[in-house]
């Protein structure tokens, strides 16, 4: 397991330029717990909108 596994991203991670955030999210794993089940999905395809 990589050192960043199970790392919860802080709000400051997302308070950066949109394209930087998107590049760094690519390849990370999104985790959600529903009851006793943990769902893990890799982020493989992202869209970033950097508008006004």
Protein backbone atom coordinates (compact mmCIF):
# COMPACT_ATOMS: atom_id res chain seq x y z
CA UNK A 1 0.00 0.00 0.00
CA UNK A 2 1.41 3.41 -0.93
CA UNK A 3 2.20 6.04 1.73
CA UNK A 4 -0.72 8.17 0.49
CA UNK A 5 -3.20 5.32 0.84
CA UNK A 6 -6.01 6.13 3.26
CA UNK A 7 -5.03 9.81 3.22
CA UNK A 8 -8.03 12.10 3.59
CA UNK A 9 -7.54 15.23 1.52
CA UNK A 10 -7.98 18.53 3.34
CA UNK A 11 -9.95 21.49 2.04
CA UNK A 12 -6.65 23.27 1.28
CA UNK A 13 -5.86 20.57 -1.31
CA UNK A 14 -8.85 21.79 -3.34
CA UNK A 15 -8.12 25.50 -2.82
CA UNK A 16 -5.49 25.54 -5.54
CA UNK A 17 -5.56 26.02 -9.32
CA UNK A 18 -8.15 23.71 -10.88
CA UNK A 19 -5.81 22.00 -13.34
CA UNK A 20 -3.24 21.22 -10.63
CA UNK A 21 -5.89 19.63 -8.43
CA UNK A 22 -7.22 17.58 -11.34
CA UNK A 23 -3.76 16.28 -12.30
CA UNK A 24 -3.04 15.20 -8.73
CA UNK A 25 -6.43 13.51 -8.26
CA UNK A 26 -5.85 11.33 -11.32
CA UNK A 27 -4.89 7.85 -10.14
CA UNK A 28 -6.05 8.37 -6.56
CA UNK A 29 -8.74 6.17 -5.05
CA UNK A 30 -12.15 7.43 -3.99
CA UNK A 31 -13.44 5.59 -0.90
CA UNK A 32 -16.91 5.58 0.60
CA UNK A 33 -18.26 3.60 3.49
CA UNK A 34 -21.86 2.44 3.29
CA UNK A 35 -22.78 0.55 6.41
CA UNK A 36 -20.11 -2.08 6.93
CA UNK A 37 -19.07 -2.08 3.26
CA UNK A 38 -16.22 0.08 1.95
CA UNK A 39 -16.39 0.94 -1.74
CA UNK A 40 -13.09 1.89 -3.41
CA UNK A 41 -12.88 3.20 -6.96
CA UNK A 42 -9.80 4.51 -8.78
CA UNK A 43 -10.11 7.97 -10.33
CA UNK A 44 -9.14 7.26 -13.93
CA UNK A 45 -11.02 9.88 -15.95
CA UNK A 46 -11.55 13.44 -14.71
CA UNK A 47 -12.88 16.67 -16.15
CA UNK A 48 -11.72 20.08 -14.93
CA UNK A 49 -13.54 23.30 -15.71
CA UNK A 50 -11.38 26.38 -15.20
CA UNK A 51 -13.80 29.18 -15.99
CA UNK A 52 -14.30 32.76 -14.89
